Amino acid sequence: MALLKSAIITAAALMVISPAAQAFPFGQKKAEAPAAAPANKAVLPVNREEALRADPLARSAYFARAFDRSPTDAQAGIDLSQSLRALGRFDEAADVAHRVLLFAPNNVEALTAAARAHIASGNGFYAIEPLDQALKLKPNDWQNWSLIGVAYDQSKRGAEAQTAWDKALKLSPENATVLTNKAISAASAGKLPEAEALLRRAVAQPTATLAMRQNLALILGLEGKMTEAEALLRRDLPPAVADANLVWLHHSLNGPANTRTWEALKAGS
């Protein structure tokens, strides 16, 4: 089973993740993207406001139709890109965002949408250029500084990632999202105490999410702090899922030493 490929949940808000999916991955298969919704007016939202409240499949169907009708409507394209990303259709989301940029090259939302789609697919290198352009246009946007940090981190440019996250934290002090991104990077480098400290700061913020608390539980468990890890797991997860995660953590701690490094766990099977 894939041990830790999706256990660490990035804080960049790249995907819509159901609470159940935020547990550690015990052989879960990646959910397949649903088939496209039928072009039936009766089942589609009637306006943008209704579409934004709809489920991702209905939302993507509505905005696909809107963008087909008006292929130079930047907002429809951005909305479609975001909807496709919510469905896990990252390549399509990136393609739509880049189509918008063909006629609106300085649209910051489209630049960000393209970058988010690339990062979500693990191709952060391709997110750097649109984010760099977005930051030239809007230099005080902490979210895009945080995102470009993730893009740099995925591209193995750690020093630049830290600089970007430090800039994001200057613009938005103690931001839980930025702190979590820094923590995940620290964990990937084997710096579990540093990751723990950052995640503790993140979960102390009013904007902390279930995913952030579960990341902290994972770090604590890997450090052998099982009592606190269990308390966090049982706070947010159904008993059976929490039990399964605890079994996974015990297995990770008691396995051969060379399987307990962060990178080994992420690559494990």
C-alpha atoms as a PDB file:
ATOM      1  CA  MET A   1       0.000   0.000   0.000  1.00  0.00           C
ATOM      2  CA  ALA A   2       1.078   3.563  -0.557  1.00  0.00           C
ATOM      3  CA  LEU A   3       2.273   4.509   2.907  1.00  0.00           C
ATOM      4  CA  LEU A   4       2.638   8.248   3.023  1.00  0.00           C
ATOM      5  CA  LYS A   5       2.199   9.631  -0.453  1.00  0.00           C
ATOM      6  CA  SER A   6      -0.926  11.535   0.565  1.00  0.00           C
ATOM      7  CA  ALA A   7      -0.674  11.479   4.348  1.00  0.00           C
ATOM      8  CA  ILE A   8       0.902  14.902   4.417  1.00  0.00           C
ATOM      9  CA  ILE A   9      -1.795  17.297   3.374  1.00  0.00           C
ATOM     10  CA  THR A  10      -0.402  20.527   1.986  1.00  0.00           C
ATOM     11  CA  ALA A  11      -1.875  23.729   3.253  1.00  0.00           C
ATOM     12  CA  ALA A  12      -2.023  25.512  -0.070  1.00  0.00           C
ATOM     13  CA  ALA A  13      -5.698  24.675  -0.483  1.00  0.00           C
ATOM     14  CA  LEU A  14      -5.031  22.996  -3.775  1.00  0.00           C
ATOM     15  CA  MET A  15      -7.783  20.396  -3.570  1.00  0.00           C
ATOM     16  CA  VAL A  16     -11.118  19.859  -1.949  1.00  0.00           C
ATOM     17  CA  ILE A  17     -10.530  16.914   0.393  1.00  0.00           C
ATOM     18  CA  SER A  18     -13.318  15.195   2.264  1.00  0.00           C
ATOM     19  CA  PRO A  19     -12.795  14.624   5.998  1.00  0.00           C
ATOM     20  CA  ALA A  20     -12.508  10.875   5.481  1.00  0.00           C
ATOM     21  CA  ALA A  21      -9.767  11.336   2.914  1.00  0.00           C
ATOM     22  CA  GLN A  22      -7.703  13.351   5.353  1.00  0.00           C
ATOM     23  CA  ALA A  23      -6.709  10.268   7.298  1.00  0.00           C
ATOM     24  CA  PHE A  24      -3.400   8.550   6.658  1.00  0.00           C
ATOM     25  CA  PRO A  25      -3.637   6.491   3.453  1.00  0.00           C
ATOM     26  CA  PHE A  26      -4.111   2.800   4.212  1.00  0.00           C
ATOM     27  CA  GLY A  27      -3.996   1.495   0.668  1.00  0.00           C
ATOM     28  CA  GLN A  28      -6.565   4.011  -0.516  1.00  0.00           C
ATOM     29  CA  LYS A  29      -6.731   4.418  -4.241  1.00  0.00           C
ATOM     30  CA  LYS A  30      -6.886   7.898  -5.630  1.00  0.00           C
ATOM     31  CA  ALA A  31     -10.496   8.699  -6.385  1.00  0.00           C
ATOM     32  CA  GLU A  32     -11.226   8.672 -10.060  1.00  0.00           C
ATOM     33  CA  ALA A  33     -12.632  11.847 -11.519  1.00  0.00           C
ATOM     34  CA  PRO A  34     -16.362  11.500 -12.194  1.00  0.00           C
ATOM     35  CA  ALA A  35     -17.541  11.450 -15.756  1.00  0.00           C
ATOM     36  CA  ALA A  36     -18.643  14.741 -17.233  1.00  0.00           C
ATOM     37  CA  ALA A  37     -22.178  15.716 -16.346  1.00  0.00           C
ATOM     38  CA  PRO A  38     -24.735  15.465 -19.128  1.00  0.00           C
ATOM     39  CA  ALA A  39     -25.593  18.717 -20.848  1.00  0.00           C
ATOM     40  CA  ASN A  40     -29.019  18.898 -19.295  1.00  0.00           C
ATOM     41  CA  LYS A  41     -30.315  22.336 -18.376  1.00  0.00           C
ATOM     42  CA  ALA A  42     -32.525  20.826 -15.699  1.00  0.00           C
ATOM     43  CA  VAL A  43     -29.595  19.607 -13.628  1.00  0.00           C
ATOM     44  CA  LEU A  44     -27.247  22.557 -14.115  1.00  0.00           C
ATOM     45  CA  PRO A  45     -27.162  25.615 -11.845  1.00  0.00           C
ATOM     46  CA  VAL A  46     -28.949  28.596 -13.338  1.00  0.00           C
ATOM     47  CA  ASN A  47     -26.390  31.304 -12.497  1.00  0.00           C
ATOM     48  CA  ARG A  48     -22.842  31.779 -11.266  1.00  0.00           C
ATOM     49  CA  GLU A  49     -23.839  32.260  -7.629  1.00  0.00           C
ATOM     50  CA  GLU A  50     -25.782  29.003  -7.625  1.00  0.00           C
ATOM     51  CA  ALA A  51     -22.944  27.235  -9.447  1.00  0.00           C
ATOM     52  CA  LEU A  52     -20.413  28.324  -6.830  1.00  0.00           C
ATOM     53  CA  ARG A  53     -22.581  26.690  -4.155  1.00  0.00           C
ATOM     54  CA  ALA A  54     -23.025  23.471  -6.148  1.00  0.00           C
ATOM     55  CA  ASP A  55     -20.948  20.299  -5.924  1.00  0.00           C
ATOM     56  CA  PRO A  56     -17.744  20.281  -8.029  1.00  0.00           C
ATOM     57  CA  LEU A  57     -19.238  18.147 -10.810  1.00  0.00           C
ATOM     58  CA  ALA A  58     -22.260  20.371 -11.341  1.00  0.00           C
ATOM     59  CA  ARG A  59     -20.043  23.433 -10.965  1.00  0.00           C
ATOM     60  CA  SER A  60     -17.610  22.237 -13.617  1.00  0.00           C
ATOM     61  CA  ALA A  61     -20.450  21.400 -16.018  1.00  0.00           C
ATOM     62  CA  TYR A  62     -21.963  24.879 -15.579  1.00  0.00           C
ATOM     63  CA  PHE A  63     -18.688  26.729 -16.104  1.00  0.00           C
ATOM     64  CA  ALA A  64     -17.647  24.482 -19.017  1.00  0.00           C
ATOM     65  CA  ARG A  65     -20.819  25.508 -20.798  1.00  0.00           C
ATOM     66  CA  ALA A  66     -20.325  29.167 -19.874  1.00  0.00           C
ATOM     67  CA  PHE A  67     -16.724  29.152 -21.124  1.00  0.00           C
ATOM     68  CA  ASP A  68     -17.706  27.373 -24.342  1.00  0.00           C
ATOM     69  CA  ARG A  69     -20.354  30.032 -24.988  1.00  0.00           C
ATOM     70  CA  SER A  70     -17.927  32.862 -24.260  1.00  0.00           C
ATOM     71  CA  PRO A  71     -14.319  31.712 -24.687  1.00  0.00           C
ATOM     72  CA  THR A  72     -12.965  35.172 -23.804  1.00  0.00           C
ATOM     73  CA  ASP A  73     -14.812  35.327 -20.484  1.00  0.00           C
ATOM     74  CA  ALA A  74     -11.862  35.232 -18.106  1.00  0.00           C
ATOM     75  CA  GLN A  75     -13.971  34.707 -14.989  1.00  0.00           C
ATOM     76  CA  ALA A  76     -15.777  31.721 -16.504  1.00  0.00           C
ATOM     77  CA  GLY A  77     -12.431  30.195 -17.437  1.00  0.00           C
ATOM     78  CA  ILE A  78     -11.010  30.758 -13.961  1.00  0.00           C
ATOM     79  CA  ASP A  79     -14.119  29.276 -12.363  1.00  0.00           C
ATOM     80  CA  LEU A  80     -13.880  26.263 -14.676  1.00  0.00           C
ATOM     81  CA  SER A  81     -10.197  25.761 -13.854  1.00  0.00           C
ATOM     82  CA  GLN A  82     -10.915  25.853 -10.129  1.00  0.00           C
ATOM     83  CA  SER A  83     -13.823  23.422 -10.532  1.00  0.00           C
ATOM     84  CA  LEU A  84     -11.715  20.960 -12.516  1.00  0.00           C
ATOM     85  CA  ARG A  85      -8.991  21.153  -9.891  1.00  0.00           C
ATOM     86  CA  ALA A  86     -11.570  20.346  -7.206  1.00  0.00           C
ATOM     87  CA  LEU A  87     -12.384  17.198  -9.190  1.00  0.00           C
ATOM     88  CA  GLY A  88      -8.720  16.204  -9.314  1.00  0.00           C
ATOM     89  CA  ARG A  89      -8.495  16.907 -13.059  1.00  0.00           C
ATOM     90  CA  PHE A  90      -5.311  18.924 -12.659  1.00  0.00           C
ATOM     91  CA  ASP A  91      -3.983  18.839 -16.221  1.00  0.00           C
ATOM     92  CA  GLU A  92      -7.309  20.034 -17.582  1.00  0.00           C
ATOM     93  CA  ALA A  93      -7.451  22.747 -14.925  1.00  0.00           C
ATOM     94  CA  ALA A  94      -4.006  23.997 -15.936  1.00  0.00           C
ATOM     95  CA  ASP A  95      -4.930  23.905 -19.628  1.00  0.00           C
ATOM     96  CA  VAL A  96      -8.056  26.013 -19.066  1.00  0.00           C
ATOM     97  CA  ALA A  97      -6.162  28.577 -16.987  1.00  0.00           C
ATOM     98  CA  HIS A  98      -3.503  28.880 -19.686  1.00  0.00           C
ATOM     99  CA  ARG A  99      -6.246  29.367 -22.286  1.00  0.00           C
ATOM    100  CA  VAL A 100      -7.437  32.349 -20.271  1.00  0.00           C
ATOM    101  CA  LEU A 101      -3.897  33.709 -20.129  1.00  0.00           C
ATOM    102  CA  LEU A 102      -3.719  33.703 -23.934  1.00  0.00           C
ATOM    103  CA  PHE A 103      -6.166  36.621 -24.044  1.00  0.00           C
ATOM    104  CA  ALA A 104      -5.678  37.962 -20.504  1.00  0.00           C
ATOM    105  CA  PRO A 105      -1.949  37.534 -19.786  1.00  0.00           C
ATOM    106  CA  ASN A 106      -1.986  39.832 -16.748  1.00  0.00           C
ATOM    107  CA  ASN A 107      -4.991  38.313 -15.012  1.00  0.00           C
ATOM    108  CA  VAL A 108      -3.652  37.501 -11.539  1.00  0.00           C
ATOM    109  CA  GLU A 109      -6.475  35.057 -10.762  1.00  0.00           C
ATOM    110  CA  ALA A 110      -5.757  33.103 -13.945  1.00  0.00           C
ATOM    111  CA  LEU A 111      -2.022  33.074 -13.215  1.00  0.00           C
ATOM    112  CA  THR A 112      -2.748  31.748  -9.734  1.00  0.00           C
ATOM    113  CA  ALA A 113      -5.231  29.171 -11.049  1.00  0.00           C
ATOM    114  CA  ALA A 114      -2.635  27.843 -13.496  1.00  0.00           C
ATOM    115  CA  ALA A 115      -0.030  27.653 -10.738  1.00  0.00           C
ATOM    116  CA  ARG A 116      -2.359  25.871  -8.313  1.00  0.00           C
ATOM    117  CA  ALA A 117      -3.190  23.247 -10.926  1.00  0.00           C
ATOM    118  CA  HIS A 118       0.494  22.589 -11.646  1.00  0.00           C
ATOM    119  CA  ILE A 119       1.317  22.350  -7.944  1.00  0.00           C
ATOM    120  CA  ALA A 120      -1.631  20.031  -7.334  1.00  0.00           C
ATOM    121  CA  SER A 121      -0.280  17.645  -9.969  1.00  0.00           C
ATOM    122  CA  GLY A 122       3.180  17.747  -8.365  1.00  0.00           C
ATOM    123  CA  ASN A 123       4.655  19.829 -11.182  1.00  0.00           C
ATOM    124  CA  GLY A 124       5.633  22.881  -9.171  1.00  0.00           C
ATOM    125  CA  PHE A 125       8.383  23.828 -11.626  1.00  0.00           C
ATOM    126  CA  TYR A 126       5.718  24.923 -14.102  1.00  0.00           C
ATOM    127  CA  ALA A 127       3.995  27.029 -11.439  1.00  0.00           C
ATOM    128  CA  ILE A 128       6.993  29.263 -10.836  1.00  0.00           C
ATOM    129  CA  GLU A 129       6.686  31.385 -13.982  1.00  0.00           C
ATOM    130  CA  PRO A 130       2.966  32.253 -13.595  1.00  0.00           C
ATOM    131  CA  LEU A 131       3.432  32.947  -9.879  1.00  0.00           C
ATOM    132  CA  ASP A 132       6.441  35.153 -10.550  1.00  0.00           C
ATOM    133  CA  GLN A 133       4.331  37.133 -13.013  1.00  0.00           C
ATOM    134  CA  ALA A 134       1.435  37.324 -10.534  1.00  0.00           C
ATOM    135  CA  LEU A 135       3.742  38.632  -7.805  1.00  0.00           C
ATOM    136  CA  LYS A 136       5.116  41.309 -10.115  1.00  0.00           C
ATOM    137  CA  LEU A 137       1.545  42.483 -10.615  1.00  0.00           C
ATOM    138  CA  LYS A 138       0.483  42.045  -6.973  1.00  0.00           C
ATOM    139  CA  PRO A 139       3.625  41.954  -4.817  1.00  0.00           C
ATOM    140  CA  ASN A 140       1.880  41.953  -1.419  1.00  0.00           C
ATOM    141  CA  ASP A 141      -0.225  38.844  -1.974  1.00  0.00           C
ATOM    142  CA  TRP A 142       0.766  36.468   0.838  1.00  0.00           C
ATOM    143  CA  GLN A 143      -1.099  33.576  -0.776  1.00  0.00           C
ATOM    144  CA  ASN A 144       0.982  33.694  -3.931  1.00  0.00           C
ATOM    145  CA  TRP A 145       4.189  34.035  -1.902  1.00  0.00           C
ATOM    146  CA  SER A 146       3.104  30.908  -0.031  1.00  0.00           C
ATOM    147  CA  LEU A 147       2.288  29.121  -3.273  1.00  0.00           C
ATOM    148  CA  ILE A 148       5.564  29.989  -4.941  1.00  0.00           C
ATOM    149  CA  GLY A 149       7.266  28.621  -1.839  1.00  0.00           C
ATOM    150  CA  VAL A 150       5.526  25.297  -2.474  1.00  0.00           C
ATOM    151  CA  ALA A 151       6.495  25.472  -6.159  1.00  0.00           C
ATOM    152  CA  TYR A 152      10.136  26.082  -5.251  1.00  0.00           C
ATOM    153  CA  ASP A 153      10.014  23.279  -2.691  1.00  0.00           C
ATOM    154  CA  GLN A 154       8.640  20.830  -5.271  1.00  0.00           C
ATOM    155  CA  SER A 155      11.450  21.956  -7.595  1.00  0.00           C
ATOM    156  CA  LYS A 156      14.139  21.186  -4.956  1.00  0.00           C
ATOM    157  CA  ARG A 157      14.941  24.892  -4.504  1.00  0.00           C
ATOM    158  CA  GLY A 158      14.727  24.886  -0.739  1.00  0.00           C
ATOM    159  CA  ALA A 159      16.449  28.191   0.033  1.00  0.00           C
ATOM    160  CA  GLU A 160      14.145  30.073  -2.334  1.00  0.00           C
ATOM    161  CA  ALA A 161      11.141  28.307  -0.808  1.00  0.00           C
ATOM    162  CA  GLN A 162      12.114  29.466   2.684  1.00  0.00           C
ATOM    163  CA  THR A 163      12.634  33.034   1.467  1.00  0.00           C
ATOM    164  CA  ALA A 164       9.188  33.024  -0.143  1.00  0.00           C
ATOM    165  CA  TRP A 165       7.495  31.654   2.982  1.00  0.00           C
ATOM    166  CA  ASP A 166       9.300  34.185   5.180  1.00  0.00           C
ATOM    167  CA  LYS A 167       7.964  36.926   2.901  1.00  0.00           C
ATOM    168  CA  ALA A 168       4.459  35.460   3.193  1.00  0.00           C
ATOM    169  CA  LEU A 169       4.733  35.452   6.989  1.00  0.00           C
ATOM    170  CA  LYS A 170       5.827  39.098   7.018  1.00  0.00           C
ATOM    171  CA  LEU A 171       2.695  39.945   5.038  1.00  0.00           C
ATOM    172  CA  SER A 172       0.450  37.636   7.117  1.00  0.00           C
ATOM    173  CA  PRO A 173       2.075  36.920  10.506  1.00  0.00           C
ATOM    174  CA  GLU A 174       1.499  33.492  12.046  1.00  0.00           C
ATOM    175  CA  ASN A 175      -0.547  32.416   9.040  1.00  0.00           C
ATOM    176  CA  ALA A 176      -1.515  28.772   9.563  1.00  0.00           C
ATOM    177  CA  THR A 177      -1.256  27.902   5.874  1.00  0.00           C
ATOM    178  CA  VAL A 178       2.256  29.269   5.499  1.00  0.00           C
ATOM    179  CA  LEU A 179       3.431  27.700   8.746  1.00  0.00           C
ATOM    180  CA  THR A 180       2.116  24.328   7.579  1.00  0.00           C
ATOM    181  CA  ASN A 181       3.870  24.590   4.240  1.00  0.00           C
ATOM    182  CA  LYS A 182       7.132  25.325   6.063  1.00  0.00           C
ATOM    183  CA  ALA A 183       6.473  22.390   8.390  1.00  0.00           C
ATOM    184  CA  ILE A 184       5.915  19.948   5.542  1.00  0.00           C
ATOM    185  CA  SER A 185       9.162  21.080   3.939  1.00  0.00           C
ATOM    186  CA  ALA A 186      11.007  20.625   7.237  1.00  0.00           C
ATOM    187  CA  ALA A 187       9.538  17.142   7.652  1.00  0.00           C
ATOM    188  CA  SER A 188      10.612  16.204   4.135  1.00  0.00           C
ATOM    189  CA  ALA A 189      14.153  17.190   5.109  1.00  0.00           C
ATOM    190  CA  GLY A 190      13.983  14.927   8.163  1.00  0.00           C
ATOM    191  CA  LYS A 191      13.658  17.837  10.613  1.00  0.00           C
ATOM    192  CA  LEU A 192      10.737  16.460  12.606  1.00  0.00           C
ATOM    193  CA  PRO A 193      11.201  18.647  15.740  1.00  0.00           C
ATOM    194  CA  GLU A 194      11.195  21.767  13.556  1.00  0.00           C
ATOM    195  CA  ALA A 195       8.102  20.511  11.730  1.00  0.00           C
ATOM    196  CA  GLU A 196       6.396  19.850  15.062  1.00  0.00           C
ATOM    197  CA  ALA A 197       7.143  23.363  16.331  1.00  0.00           C
ATOM    198  CA  LEU A 198       5.785  24.946  13.156  1.00  0.00           C
ATOM    199  CA  LEU A 199       2.641  22.806  13.175  1.00  0.00           C
ATOM    200  CA  ARG A 200       1.977  23.632  16.822  1.00  0.00           C
ATOM    201  CA  ARG A 201       1.998  27.302  15.871  1.00  0.00           C
ATOM    202  CA  ALA A 202      -0.277  26.555  12.922  1.00  0.00           C
ATOM    203  CA  VAL A 203      -2.896  24.607  14.873  1.00  0.00           C
ATOM    204  CA  ALA A 204      -2.999  27.340  17.516  1.00  0.00           C
ATOM    205  CA  GLN A 205      -4.439  29.751  14.941  1.00  0.00           C
ATOM    206  CA  PRO A 206      -8.212  30.227  14.615  1.00  0.00           C
ATOM    207  CA  THR A 207      -7.976  29.293  10.918  1.00  0.00           C
ATOM    208  CA  ALA A 208      -6.390  25.893  11.627  1.00  0.00           C
ATOM    209  CA  THR A 209      -7.979  23.007   9.754  1.00  0.00           C
ATOM    210  CA  LEU A 210      -8.493  19.316  10.392  1.00  0.00           C
ATOM    211  CA  ALA A 211      -5.737  18.604   7.864  1.00  0.00           C
ATOM    212  CA  MET A 212      -3.260  20.683   9.866  1.00  0.00           C
ATOM    213  CA  ARG A 213      -4.120  18.872  13.087  1.00  0.00           C
ATOM    214  CA  GLN A 214      -3.748  15.511  11.353  1.00  0.00           C
ATOM    215  CA  ASN A 215      -0.351  16.550  10.010  1.00  0.00           C
ATOM    216  CA  LEU A 216       0.684  17.411  13.572  1.00  0.00           C
ATOM    217  CA  ALA A 217      -0.618  14.043  14.772  1.00  0.00           C
ATOM    218  CA  LEU A 218       1.447  12.307  12.098  1.00  0.00           C
ATOM    219  CA  ILE A 219       4.614  14.174  13.093  1.00  0.00           C
ATOM    220  CA  LEU A 220       4.036  13.460  16.776  1.00  0.00           C
ATOM    221  CA  GLY A 221       3.473   9.792  16.051  1.00  0.00           C
ATOM    222  CA  LEU A 222       6.641   9.527  13.986  1.00  0.00           C
ATOM    223  CA  GLU A 223       8.520  11.112  16.880  1.00  0.00           C
ATOM    224  CA  GLY A 224       7.128   8.473  19.241  1.00  0.00           C
ATOM    225  CA  LYS A 225       4.781  10.867  21.067  1.00  0.00           C
ATOM    226  CA  MET A 226       1.903   8.450  20.676  1.00  0.00           C
ATOM    227  CA  THR A 227      -0.307   9.642  23.541  1.00  0.00           C
ATOM    228  CA  GLU A 228      -0.624  13.138  22.119  1.00  0.00           C
ATOM    229  CA  ALA A 229      -0.866  11.834  18.561  1.00  0.00           C
ATOM    230  CA  GLU A 230      -3.741   9.551  19.565  1.00  0.00           C
ATOM    231  CA  ALA A 231      -5.568  12.414  21.281  1.00  0.00           C
ATOM    232  CA  LEU A 232      -5.417  14.474  18.094  1.00  0.00           C
ATOM    233  CA  LEU A 233      -6.488  11.561  15.917  1.00  0.00           C
ATOM    234  CA  ARG A 234      -9.489  10.736  18.089  1.00  0.00           C
ATOM    235  CA  ARG A 235     -10.533  14.376  18.198  1.00  0.00           C
ATOM    236  CA  ASP A 236     -11.205  14.531  14.467  1.00  0.00           C
ATOM    237  CA  LEU A 237     -11.568  11.016  13.075  1.00  0.00           C
ATOM    238  CA  PRO A 238     -14.075   8.177  13.464  1.00  0.00           C
ATOM    239  CA  PRO A 239     -12.829   5.473  15.863  1.00  0.00           C
ATOM    240  CA  ALA A 240     -12.080   2.904  13.153  1.00  0.00           C
ATOM    241  CA  VAL A 241     -10.057   5.365  11.088  1.00  0.00           C
ATOM    242  CA  ALA A 242      -8.166   6.629  14.137  1.00  0.00           C
ATOM    243  CA  ASP A 243      -7.420   3.005  15.125  1.00  0.00           C
ATOM    244  CA  ALA A 244      -6.087   2.244  11.639  1.00  0.00           C
ATOM    245  CA  ASN A 245      -3.867   5.321  11.690  1.00  0.00           C
ATOM    246  CA  LEU A 246      -2.470   4.347  15.083  1.00  0.00           C
ATOM    247  CA  VAL A 247      -1.657   0.868  13.789  1.00  0.00           C
ATOM    248  CA  TRP A 248       0.122   2.479  10.836  1.00  0.00           C
ATOM    249  CA  LEU A 249       2.134   4.748  13.149  1.00  0.00           C
ATOM    250  CA  HIS A 250       3.129   1.860  15.415  1.00  0.00           C
ATOM    251  CA  HIS A 251       4.235  -0.106  12.349  1.00  0.00           C
ATOM    252  CA  SER A 252       6.280   2.864  11.106  1.00  0.00           C
ATOM    253  CA  LEU A 253       7.995   3.290  14.459  1.00  0.00           C
ATOM    254  CA  ASN A 254       8.751  -0.402  14.916  1.00  0.00           C
ATOM    255  CA  GLY A 255       9.926  -1.126  11.373  1.00  0.00           C
ATOM    256  CA  PRO A 256      13.563  -1.235  10.238  1.00  0.00           C
ATOM    257  CA  ALA A 257      15.394   2.036  10.907  1.00  0.00           C
ATOM    258  CA  ASN A 258      15.948   2.726   7.224  1.00  0.00           C
ATOM    259  CA  THR A 259      12.191   2.708   6.593  1.00  0.00           C
ATOM    260  CA  ARG A 260      11.420   5.367   9.167  1.00  0.00           C
ATOM    261  CA  THR A 261      12.900   8.359   7.385  1.00  0.00           C
ATOM    262  CA  TRP A 262      10.411  10.804   5.955  1.00  0.00           C
ATOM    263  CA  GLU A 263      11.420  10.243   2.341  1.00  0.00           C
ATOM    264  CA  ALA A 264      11.446   6.455   2.782  1.00  0.00           C
ATOM    265  CA  LEU A 265       7.932   6.538   4.200  1.00  0.00           C
ATOM    266  CA  LYS A 266       6.683   8.761   1.381  1.00  0.00           C
ATOM    267  CA  ALA A 267       8.160   6.425  -1.205  1.00  0.00           C
ATOM    268  CA  GLY A 268       7.150   3.240   0.572  1.00  0.00           C
ATOM    269  CA  SER A 269       4.755   0.631  -0.743  1.00  0.00           C
END
